[in-house]
Amino acid sequence: MSTSIPIAPDQLPPTIREYLAAHTARDVDAALRAFSVTGSVTDDGQTFRGTEEILHFLNKAGAEFRYTTELIGARRVDDAHWVATNRLEGDFPGGVAELDYRFTLADNLIAELVITPR
């Protein structure tokens, strides 16, 4: 992904906004519906592929910590690639983290999500 254009978070595609809201609310079923059946999530060096593994990721990601999530930025790379930046604050090591959620969309579903520290 090359250059990206900053956008207002409400300009992210509906699928991404719905996923982020569901993930923040820890609504696993709604978050899972945003993914294609062959989708993948890469977080903390581990990749989860397909519905069953993504469900495992959604159920376990951050479950051992209490934290808040705030969407602080968004960028459009092209029609299929978008980046949402979240700021997490909580009782995890370090207490504060800014993470880029790099989305690839296909047919209005998340084909790939890569979460990286900012």
C-alpha atoms as a PDB file:
ATOM      1  CA  MET A   1       0.000   0.000   0.000  1.00  0.00           C
ATOM      2  CA  SER A   2       1.461   3.282  -1.015  1.00  0.00           C
ATOM      3  CA  THR A   3       0.048   6.717  -0.342  1.00  0.00           C
ATOM      4  CA  SER A   4      -3.076   7.210   1.666  1.00  0.00           C
ATOM      5  CA  ILE A   5      -5.438  10.116   2.093  1.00  0.00           C
ATOM      6  CA  PRO A   6      -6.613  11.152   5.583  1.00  0.00           C
ATOM      7  CA  ILE A   7     -10.400  11.045   5.888  1.00  0.00           C
ATOM      8  CA  ALA A   8     -12.954  11.584   8.630  1.00  0.00           C
ATOM      9  CA  PRO A   9     -13.701   8.292  10.424  1.00  0.00           C
ATOM     10  CA  ASP A  10     -17.333   8.507   9.307  1.00  0.00           C
ATOM     11  CA  GLN A  11     -16.072   8.280   5.708  1.00  0.00           C
ATOM     12  CA  LEU A  12     -14.825   4.727   6.255  1.00  0.00           C
ATOM     13  CA  PRO A  13     -16.941   2.147   4.389  1.00  0.00           C
ATOM     14  CA  PRO A  14     -19.992   0.926   6.343  1.00  0.00           C
ATOM     15  CA  THR A  15     -18.540  -2.601   6.717  1.00  0.00           C
ATOM     16  CA  ILE A  16     -15.458  -1.228   8.475  1.00  0.00           C
ATOM     17  CA  ARG A  17     -17.457   1.144  10.691  1.00  0.00           C
ATOM     18  CA  GLU A  18     -19.797  -1.711  11.656  1.00  0.00           C
ATOM     19  CA  TYR A  19     -16.866  -4.031  12.425  1.00  0.00           C
ATOM     20  CA  LEU A  20     -15.110  -1.424  14.567  1.00  0.00           C
ATOM     21  CA  ALA A  21     -18.297  -0.647  16.505  1.00  0.00           C
ATOM     22  CA  ALA A  22     -19.019  -4.346  17.062  1.00  0.00           C
ATOM     23  CA  HIS A  23     -15.430  -5.102  18.087  1.00  0.00           C
ATOM     24  CA  THR A  24     -15.392  -2.177  20.526  1.00  0.00           C
ATOM     25  CA  ALA A  25     -18.714  -3.357  21.992  1.00  0.00           C
ATOM     26  CA  ARG A  26     -17.320  -6.923  22.070  1.00  0.00           C
ATOM     27  CA  ASP A  27     -20.258  -8.076  19.938  1.00  0.00           C
ATOM     28  CA  VAL A  28     -18.473 -11.078  18.436  1.00  0.00           C
ATOM     29  CA  ASP A  29     -21.355 -12.182  16.184  1.00  0.00           C
ATOM     30  CA  ALA A  30     -21.733  -8.751  14.581  1.00  0.00           C
ATOM     31  CA  ALA A  31     -17.962  -8.396  14.161  1.00  0.00           C
ATOM     32  CA  LEU A  32     -17.708 -11.815  12.524  1.00  0.00           C
ATOM     33  CA  ARG A  33     -20.455 -10.951  10.006  1.00  0.00           C
ATOM     34  CA  ALA A  34     -18.174  -8.241   8.565  1.00  0.00           C
ATOM     35  CA  PHE A  35     -15.668 -10.868   7.303  1.00  0.00           C
ATOM     36  CA  SER A  36     -15.725 -12.982   4.174  1.00  0.00           C
ATOM     37  CA  VAL A  37     -15.685 -16.738   4.851  1.00  0.00           C
ATOM     38  CA  THR A  38     -12.093 -16.834   3.591  1.00  0.00           C
ATOM     39  CA  GLY A  39     -11.063 -13.678   5.451  1.00  0.00           C
ATOM     40  CA  SER A  40      -8.034 -13.354   7.694  1.00  0.00           C
ATOM     41  CA  VAL A  41      -6.845 -11.356  10.681  1.00  0.00           C
ATOM     42  CA  THR A  42      -3.198 -10.830  11.548  1.00  0.00           C
ATOM     43  CA  ASP A  43      -2.492  -9.492  15.031  1.00  0.00           C
ATOM     44  CA  ASP A  44       0.576  -9.679  17.229  1.00  0.00           C
ATOM     45  CA  GLY A  45       2.415 -11.887  14.735  1.00  0.00           C
ATOM     46  CA  GLN A  46      -0.340 -14.483  14.493  1.00  0.00           C
ATOM     47  CA  THR A  47      -2.697 -14.982  11.525  1.00  0.00           C
ATOM     48  CA  PHE A  48      -6.238 -16.319  11.855  1.00  0.00           C
ATOM     49  CA  ARG A  49      -7.828 -17.596   8.623  1.00  0.00           C
ATOM     50  CA  GLY A  50     -11.451 -18.426   7.940  1.00  0.00           C
ATOM     51  CA  THR A  51     -14.568 -18.099  10.047  1.00  0.00           C
ATOM     52  CA  GLU A  52     -13.608 -20.512  12.836  1.00  0.00           C
ATOM     53  CA  GLU A  53     -10.149 -18.999  13.466  1.00  0.00           C
ATOM     54  CA  ILE A  54     -11.453 -15.415  13.226  1.00  0.00           C
ATOM     55  CA  LEU A  55     -14.159 -16.314  15.758  1.00  0.00           C
ATOM     56  CA  HIS A  56     -11.405 -17.583  18.076  1.00  0.00           C
ATOM     57  CA  PHE A  57      -9.486 -14.306  17.578  1.00  0.00           C
ATOM     58  CA  LEU A  58     -12.577 -12.193  18.288  1.00  0.00           C
ATOM     59  CA  ASN A  59     -13.347 -14.134  21.460  1.00  0.00           C
ATOM     60  CA  LYS A  60      -9.795 -14.010  22.812  1.00  0.00           C
ATOM     61  CA  ALA A  61      -8.266 -10.713  21.598  1.00  0.00           C
ATOM     62  CA  GLY A  62      -7.637  -8.534  24.631  1.00  0.00           C
ATOM     63  CA  ALA A  63     -10.028 -10.578  26.788  1.00  0.00           C
ATOM     64  CA  GLU A  64      -7.538 -10.705  29.663  1.00  0.00           C
ATOM     65  CA  PHE A  65      -7.446  -6.895  29.890  1.00  0.00           C
ATOM     66  CA  ARG A  66      -9.882  -4.069  30.527  1.00  0.00           C
ATOM     67  CA  TYR A  67      -9.488  -1.181  28.114  1.00  0.00           C
ATOM     68  CA  THR A  68     -11.246   1.529  26.165  1.00  0.00           C
ATOM     69  CA  THR A  69     -10.954   2.052  22.423  1.00  0.00           C
ATOM     70  CA  GLU A  70     -11.167   5.372  20.600  1.00  0.00           C
ATOM     71  CA  LEU A  71     -11.069   5.738  16.821  1.00  0.00           C
ATOM     72  CA  ILE A  72      -8.615   8.618  16.354  1.00  0.00           C
ATOM     73  CA  GLY A  73      -7.943   8.566  12.624  1.00  0.00           C
ATOM     74  CA  ALA A  74      -8.758   7.075   9.258  1.00  0.00           C
ATOM     75  CA  ARG A  75      -7.129   6.899   5.840  1.00  0.00           C
ATOM     76  CA  ARG A  76      -8.185   5.734   2.401  1.00  0.00           C
ATOM     77  CA  VAL A  77      -5.479   4.019   0.364  1.00  0.00           C
ATOM     78  CA  ASP A  78      -7.688   3.017  -2.577  1.00  0.00           C
ATOM     79  CA  ASP A  79     -11.147   1.525  -3.127  1.00  0.00           C
ATOM     80  CA  ALA A  80     -10.174  -1.757  -1.457  1.00  0.00           C
ATOM     81  CA  HIS A  81      -7.681  -0.625   1.222  1.00  0.00           C
ATOM     82  CA  TRP A  82      -8.455   1.478   4.286  1.00  0.00           C
ATOM     83  CA  VAL A  83      -6.712   2.181   7.600  1.00  0.00           C
ATOM     84  CA  ALA A  84      -8.404   2.972  10.905  1.00  0.00           C
ATOM     85  CA  THR A  85      -6.247   4.096  13.829  1.00  0.00           C
ATOM     86  CA  ASN A  86      -7.454   3.217  17.321  1.00  0.00           C
ATOM     87  CA  ARG A  87      -6.102   4.420  20.643  1.00  0.00           C
ATOM     88  CA  LEU A  88      -6.429   1.842  23.406  1.00  0.00           C
ATOM     89  CA  GLU A  89      -6.062   2.709  27.083  1.00  0.00           C
ATOM     90  CA  GLY A  90      -6.276   0.133  29.835  1.00  0.00           C
ATOM     91  CA  ASP A  91      -4.610  -2.255  32.236  1.00  0.00           C
ATOM     92  CA  PHE A  92      -2.437  -3.996  29.627  1.00  0.00           C
ATOM     93  CA  PRO A  93       1.384  -3.594  29.695  1.00  0.00           C
ATOM     94  CA  GLY A  94       2.233  -0.006  28.783  1.00  0.00           C
ATOM     95  CA  GLY A  95      -1.328   1.187  29.418  1.00  0.00           C
ATOM     96  CA  VAL A  96      -1.695   3.046  26.105  1.00  0.00           C
ATOM     97  CA  ALA A  97      -1.335   1.868  22.519  1.00  0.00           C
ATOM     98  CA  GLU A  98      -2.131   3.275  19.105  1.00  0.00           C
ATOM     99  CA  LEU A  99      -2.872   0.583  16.551  1.00  0.00           C
ATOM    100  CA  ASP A 100      -3.447   0.734  12.821  1.00  0.00           C
ATOM    101  CA  TYR A 101      -6.176  -1.577  11.577  1.00  0.00           C
ATOM    102  CA  ARG A 102      -5.361  -2.128   7.889  1.00  0.00           C
ATOM    103  CA  PHE A 103      -8.414  -3.413   6.038  1.00  0.00           C
ATOM    104  CA  THR A 104      -8.702  -5.014   2.626  1.00  0.00           C
ATOM    105  CA  LEU A 105     -12.290  -5.201   1.388  1.00  0.00           C
ATOM    106  CA  ALA A 106     -13.731  -7.506  -1.265  1.00  0.00           C
ATOM    107  CA  ASP A 107     -17.440  -7.579  -2.141  1.00  0.00           C
ATOM    108  CA  ASN A 108     -18.190  -5.252   0.804  1.00  0.00           C
ATOM    109  CA  LEU A 109     -16.703  -7.712   3.299  1.00  0.00           C
ATOM    110  CA  ILE A 110     -13.379  -7.740   5.122  1.00  0.00           C
ATOM    111  CA  ALA A 111     -11.009 -10.013   3.194  1.00  0.00           C
ATOM    112  CA  GLU A 112      -8.007  -9.136   5.360  1.00  0.00           C
ATOM    113  CA  LEU A 113      -7.348  -7.211   8.551  1.00  0.00           C
ATOM    114  CA  VAL A 114      -3.790  -6.563   9.712  1.00  0.00           C
ATOM    115  CA  ILE A 115      -3.382  -4.899  13.115  1.00  0.00           C
ATOM    116  CA  THR A 116      -0.042  -3.199  13.739  1.00  0.00           C
ATOM    117  CA  PRO A 117       1.346  -0.811  16.349  1.00  0.00           C
ATOM    118  CA  ARG A 118       1.565   2.737  15.067  1.00  0.00           C
END
